[in-house]
Amino acid sequence: MNPRSALSLLPPDWQSELSRARIEPVEEGMSGATLFRIADRQAPLRYLKIGQGRSAPALRQEIERSQWLARRGVRVEAWLLSENAHEAGIAAL
């Protein structure tokens, strides 16, 4: 999946926010999700994960595990946003 096709799967407000950023593909994530690095001069470095089909449940579980660990005081990367986008299955930023 290329960066522009990935953007087209996202909700309109995400598309707007990411339209000015440099979006670079990264190797596939451990969950099998498609992974992109988001570089924007006006924001810290972020990553976009998109889970489709069989990778969507694994990504959803990754988000839940991270949130569970964070609630217990373990330092993990924060999920800024996550959404069940209808075409993408699930997307996380």
Protein backbone atom coordinates (compact mmCIF):
# COMPACT_ATOMS: atom_id res chain seq x y z
CA MET A 1 0.00 0.00 0.00
CA ASN A 2 1.40 3.39 -0.90
CA PRO A 3 1.04 6.46 1.35
CA ARG A 4 -1.64 8.18 -0.74
CA SER A 5 -3.83 5.08 -0.96
CA ALA A 6 -3.45 4.69 2.81
CA LEU A 7 -4.64 8.27 3.34
CA SER A 8 -7.70 7.63 1.21
CA LEU A 9 -8.80 4.95 3.71
CA LEU A 10 -8.73 7.31 6.67
CA PRO A 11 -11.51 9.50 8.06
CA PRO A 12 -11.65 13.01 6.51
CA ASP A 13 -10.28 14.79 9.60
CA TRP A 14 -7.24 12.48 9.64
CA GLN A 15 -6.72 13.04 5.91
CA SER A 16 -6.75 16.79 6.46
CA GLU A 17 -4.29 16.62 9.36
CA LEU A 18 -1.86 14.36 7.49
CA SER A 19 -2.10 16.02 4.07
CA ARG A 20 0.87 18.31 4.74
CA ALA A 21 3.07 15.62 6.31
CA ARG A 22 5.74 13.45 4.68
CA ILE A 23 4.48 9.87 4.85
CA GLU A 24 7.06 7.11 4.43
CA PRO A 25 6.37 3.37 4.32
CA VAL A 26 8.09 1.28 6.99
CA GLU A 27 8.55 -2.47 7.12
CA GLU A 28 5.40 -4.32 8.13
CA GLY A 29 4.67 -4.12 11.86
CA MET A 30 4.61 -7.13 14.16
CA SER A 31 0.84 -7.22 14.08
CA GLY A 32 0.87 -7.53 10.28
CA ALA A 33 -0.50 -3.99 9.98
CA THR A 34 0.74 -1.64 7.28
CA LEU A 35 3.06 0.87 8.95
CA PHE A 36 4.00 4.42 7.92
CA ARG A 37 6.28 7.03 9.49
CA ILE A 38 4.66 10.48 9.65
CA ALA A 39 7.10 13.40 9.52
CA ASP A 40 5.64 16.85 9.98
CA ARG A 41 7.64 19.94 10.93
CA GLN A 42 4.81 21.08 13.18
CA ALA A 43 4.44 17.84 15.15
CA PRO A 44 6.66 15.20 16.73
CA LEU A 45 7.50 12.08 14.73
CA ARG A 46 4.48 9.76 14.62
CA TYR A 47 3.52 6.45 13.08
CA LEU A 48 0.36 5.39 11.31
CA LYS A 49 -0.71 1.75 11.43
CA ILE A 50 -3.52 0.44 9.28
CA GLY A 51 -4.89 -3.02 9.91
CA GLN A 52 -7.02 -4.60 7.22
CA GLY A 53 -8.56 -8.03 7.05
CA ARG A 54 -6.71 -10.50 9.27
CA SER A 55 -4.33 -7.86 10.65
CA ALA A 56 -7.16 -5.68 12.04
CA PRO A 57 -7.85 -7.86 15.12
CA ALA A 58 -4.11 -8.10 15.89
CA LEU A 59 -3.75 -4.32 15.73
CA ARG A 60 -6.84 -3.84 17.88
CA GLN A 61 -5.29 -6.22 20.46
CA GLU A 62 -1.97 -4.35 20.30
CA ILE A 63 -3.77 -1.09 21.14
CA GLU A 64 -5.64 -2.76 24.02
CA ARG A 65 -2.43 -4.30 25.44
CA SER A 66 -0.60 -0.97 25.25
CA GLN A 67 -3.45 0.83 27.00
CA TRP A 68 -3.61 -1.90 29.68
CA LEU A 69 0.15 -1.62 30.33
CA ALA A 70 0.00 2.19 30.45
CA ARG A 71 -2.77 2.06 33.08
CA ARG A 72 -0.41 -0.05 35.21
CA GLY A 73 2.43 2.44 34.98
CA VAL A 74 4.47 0.72 32.29
CA ARG A 75 6.03 3.17 29.83
CA VAL A 76 4.65 2.46 26.39
CA GLU A 77 4.09 4.65 23.36
CA ALA A 78 0.77 6.43 23.59
CA TRP A 79 -1.91 5.84 20.96
CA LEU A 80 -2.99 9.32 20.02
CA LEU A 81 -6.01 8.25 18.02
CA SER A 82 -7.55 5.01 16.91
CA GLU A 83 -10.64 4.45 14.89
CA ASN A 84 -12.50 1.66 13.21
CA ALA A 85 -12.48 3.22 9.77
CA HIS A 86 -15.01 1.36 7.65
CA GLU A 87 -12.73 0.66 4.67
CA ALA A 88 -9.50 0.21 6.62
CA GLY A 89 -10.75 -2.08 9.37
CA ILE A 90 -8.81 -0.17 11.98
CA ALA A 91 -6.29 2.64 11.85
CA ALA A 92 -4.14 4.00 14.63
CA LEU A 93 -1.94 7.03 14.95
